[in-house]
Amino acid sequence: MHTVSGGEVAGILVAVFWAILVSFLAVALARLAQTLRATTKLVADVTDQAVPLLADASSAVRSAQTQIDRVDAIASDVQEVTSNASALSTTVASTFGGPLVKVAAFGYGVRRALGGRKEDVPAGSAKEPRRTVIVGRTIPAARRTKRKKD
């Protein structure tokens, strides 16, 4: 019989250790290869889906730019119309404003002149006292005459 020396036992232990280490490394490399295959497939799928999405996004941006250009054109037209309306309003006010004020003043003067003659009617008449309207309020004739005296 052959006795096993300490060096042979150490050699067997080292060989078993290396066998276990190589087995673990083989399993880890197999799983790493599997993970890399799945990652490669995932990247390919994302690329296949991203290209159409980017094309759609690009067309949406172009469409939005077209709409912004249209809105800009409309806004400039509205600004031009607003300035034209302002100029027209100023022209109408300067053209008709003065004469209308004069006509209103003349009408007021005529009413005052005719109203003054009607107040000379004899006191025996059963007519209600005349009232003056000031900004939505009616002031009785007694208060109006009091104001005239002040």
Protein backbone atom coordinates (compact mmCIF):
# COMPACT_ATOMS: atom_id res chain seq x y z
CA MET A 1 0.00 0.00 0.00
CA HIS A 2 0.85 3.41 -0.75
CA THR A 3 0.71 6.12 1.83
CA VAL A 4 -0.33 9.54 0.83
CA SER A 5 2.15 12.22 1.61
CA GLY A 6 1.32 15.74 2.79
CA GLY A 7 2.30 17.22 -0.57
CA GLU A 8 -0.12 14.94 -2.39
CA VAL A 9 -2.96 15.90 -0.01
CA ALA A 10 -2.16 19.56 -0.56
CA GLY A 11 -2.15 19.02 -4.33
CA ILE A 12 -5.54 17.31 -4.19
CA LEU A 13 -6.98 20.12 -2.06
CA VAL A 14 -5.66 22.75 -4.48
CA ALA A 15 -7.10 20.80 -7.44
CA VAL A 16 -10.53 20.52 -5.75
CA PHE A 17 -10.44 24.25 -4.86
CA TRP A 18 -9.59 25.15 -8.48
CA ALA A 19 -12.35 22.88 -9.76
CA ILE A 20 -14.91 24.58 -7.48
CA LEU A 21 -13.60 28.03 -8.47
CA VAL A 22 -13.76 27.18 -12.19
CA SER A 23 -17.32 25.85 -11.73
CA PHE A 24 -18.43 29.09 -10.04
CA LEU A 25 -16.74 31.16 -12.74
CA ALA A 26 -18.39 29.06 -15.47
CA VAL A 27 -21.83 29.57 -13.90
CA ALA A 28 -21.18 33.34 -13.48
CA LEU A 29 -19.99 33.66 -17.10
CA ALA A 30 -23.03 31.74 -18.35
CA ARG A 31 -25.35 34.07 -16.44
CA LEU A 32 -23.40 37.11 -17.66
CA ALA A 33 -23.73 35.89 -21.25
CA GLN A 34 -27.48 35.42 -20.71
CA THR A 35 -27.78 38.94 -19.28
CA LEU A 36 -25.82 40.42 -22.20
CA ARG A 37 -28.10 38.64 -24.71
CA ALA A 38 -31.20 40.01 -22.94
CA THR A 39 -29.67 43.50 -22.82
CA THR A 40 -28.79 43.36 -26.51
CA LYS A 41 -32.36 42.32 -27.36
CA LEU A 42 -33.77 45.09 -25.16
CA VAL A 43 -31.55 47.74 -26.78
CA ALA A 44 -32.55 46.51 -30.25
CA ASP A 45 -36.26 46.68 -29.31
CA VAL A 46 -35.87 50.17 -27.84
CA THR A 47 -34.03 51.32 -30.97
CA ASP A 48 -36.77 49.87 -33.18
CA GLN A 49 -39.43 51.75 -31.20
CA ALA A 50 -37.44 54.96 -30.68
CA VAL A 51 -36.86 55.69 -34.36
CA PRO A 52 -40.60 55.99 -35.19
CA LEU A 53 -41.19 57.94 -31.97
CA LEU A 54 -38.47 60.40 -32.88
CA ALA A 55 -39.96 60.78 -36.36
CA ASP A 56 -43.39 61.46 -34.81
CA ALA A 57 -41.89 63.96 -32.38
CA SER A 58 -40.11 65.72 -35.21
CA SER A 59 -43.33 66.03 -37.22
CA ALA A 60 -45.18 67.28 -34.11
CA VAL A 61 -42.54 69.96 -33.58
CA ARG A 62 -42.81 71.01 -37.23
CA SER A 63 -46.61 71.17 -36.94
CA ALA A 64 -46.35 73.23 -33.75
CA GLN A 65 -43.95 75.63 -35.48
CA THR A 66 -46.43 76.03 -38.34
CA GLN A 67 -49.23 76.78 -35.87
CA ILE A 68 -47.04 79.28 -34.01
CA ASP A 69 -46.29 81.03 -37.30
CA ARG A 70 -50.03 81.22 -38.03
CA VAL A 71 -50.78 82.61 -34.57
CA ASP A 72 -48.01 85.16 -35.01
CA ALA A 73 -49.52 86.28 -38.32
CA ILE A 74 -52.98 86.53 -36.74
CA ALA A 75 -51.60 88.51 -33.80
CA SER A 76 -49.89 90.98 -36.10
CA ASP A 77 -53.14 91.36 -38.10
CA VAL A 78 -55.08 91.96 -34.86
CA GLN A 79 -52.53 94.55 -33.81
CA GLU A 80 -52.91 96.32 -37.15
CA VAL A 81 -56.72 96.24 -36.89
CA THR A 82 -56.51 97.59 -33.34
CA SER A 83 -54.28 100.48 -34.39
CA ASN A 84 -56.60 101.22 -37.33
CA ALA A 85 -59.64 101.19 -35.02
CA SER A 86 -57.84 103.51 -32.61
CA ALA A 87 -56.98 105.90 -35.42
CA LEU A 88 -60.58 105.76 -36.69
CA SER A 89 -61.92 106.40 -33.19
CA THR A 90 -59.63 109.40 -32.80
CA THR A 91 -60.68 110.73 -36.21
CA VAL A 92 -64.40 110.29 -35.47
CA ALA A 93 -64.03 111.90 -32.04
CA SER A 94 -62.16 114.88 -33.44
CA THR A 95 -64.51 115.23 -36.42
CA PHE A 96 -67.88 114.78 -34.73
CA GLY A 97 -67.06 115.37 -31.07
CA GLY A 98 -66.80 119.15 -31.18
CA PRO A 99 -69.90 119.72 -33.30
CA LEU A 100 -71.96 117.25 -31.23
CA VAL A 101 -70.99 119.06 -28.04
CA LYS A 102 -72.01 122.34 -29.65
CA VAL A 103 -75.36 120.88 -30.78
CA ALA A 104 -75.99 119.50 -27.30
CA ALA A 105 -75.13 122.81 -25.72
CA PHE A 106 -77.41 124.62 -28.16
CA GLY A 107 -80.25 122.16 -27.41
CA TYR A 108 -79.71 122.67 -23.69
CA GLY A 109 -79.81 126.44 -24.14
CA VAL A 110 -83.03 126.23 -26.17
CA ARG A 111 -84.63 124.02 -23.51
CA ARG A 112 -83.56 126.40 -20.76
CA ALA A 113 -84.92 129.37 -22.70
CA LEU A 114 -88.24 127.66 -23.37
CA GLY A 115 -88.36 126.30 -19.82
CA GLY A 116 -87.90 129.78 -18.38
CA ARG A 117 -90.95 131.05 -20.28
CA LYS A 118 -93.10 128.19 -19.04
CA GLU A 119 -92.24 128.98 -15.41
CA ASP A 120 -93.86 132.43 -15.88
CA VAL A 121 -97.30 130.73 -15.97
CA PRO A 122 -99.65 132.00 -13.21
CA ALA A 123 -99.36 130.36 -9.82
CA GLY A 124 -102.96 129.14 -9.84
CA SER A 125 -102.26 126.31 -12.24
CA ALA A 126 -102.55 122.75 -10.84
CA LYS A 127 -99.33 121.64 -12.58
CA GLU A 128 -96.70 119.63 -10.64
CA PRO A 129 -93.49 121.47 -9.83
CA ARG A 130 -90.76 120.89 -12.36
CA ARG A 131 -87.98 118.48 -11.39
CA THR A 132 -84.38 118.40 -12.48
CA VAL A 133 -82.55 115.09 -13.07
CA ILE A 134 -78.90 115.02 -12.02
CA VAL A 135 -76.98 111.80 -12.68
CA GLY A 136 -79.91 109.47 -12.11
CA ARG A 137 -81.44 111.41 -9.15
CA THR A 138 -84.45 113.68 -9.17
CA ILE A 139 -84.23 116.91 -7.19
CA PRO A 140 -87.51 118.63 -6.27
CA ALA A 141 -88.07 122.15 -7.54
CA ALA A 142 -87.82 123.65 -4.01
CA ARG A 143 -84.24 122.39 -3.58
CA ARG A 144 -83.34 123.46 -7.12
CA THR A 145 -84.38 127.04 -6.49
CA LYS A 146 -82.42 126.96 -3.24
CA ARG A 147 -79.33 125.96 -5.24
CA LYS A 148 -79.85 128.76 -7.73
CA LYS A 149 -79.86 131.31 -4.92
CA ASP A 150 -76.50 129.98 -3.53
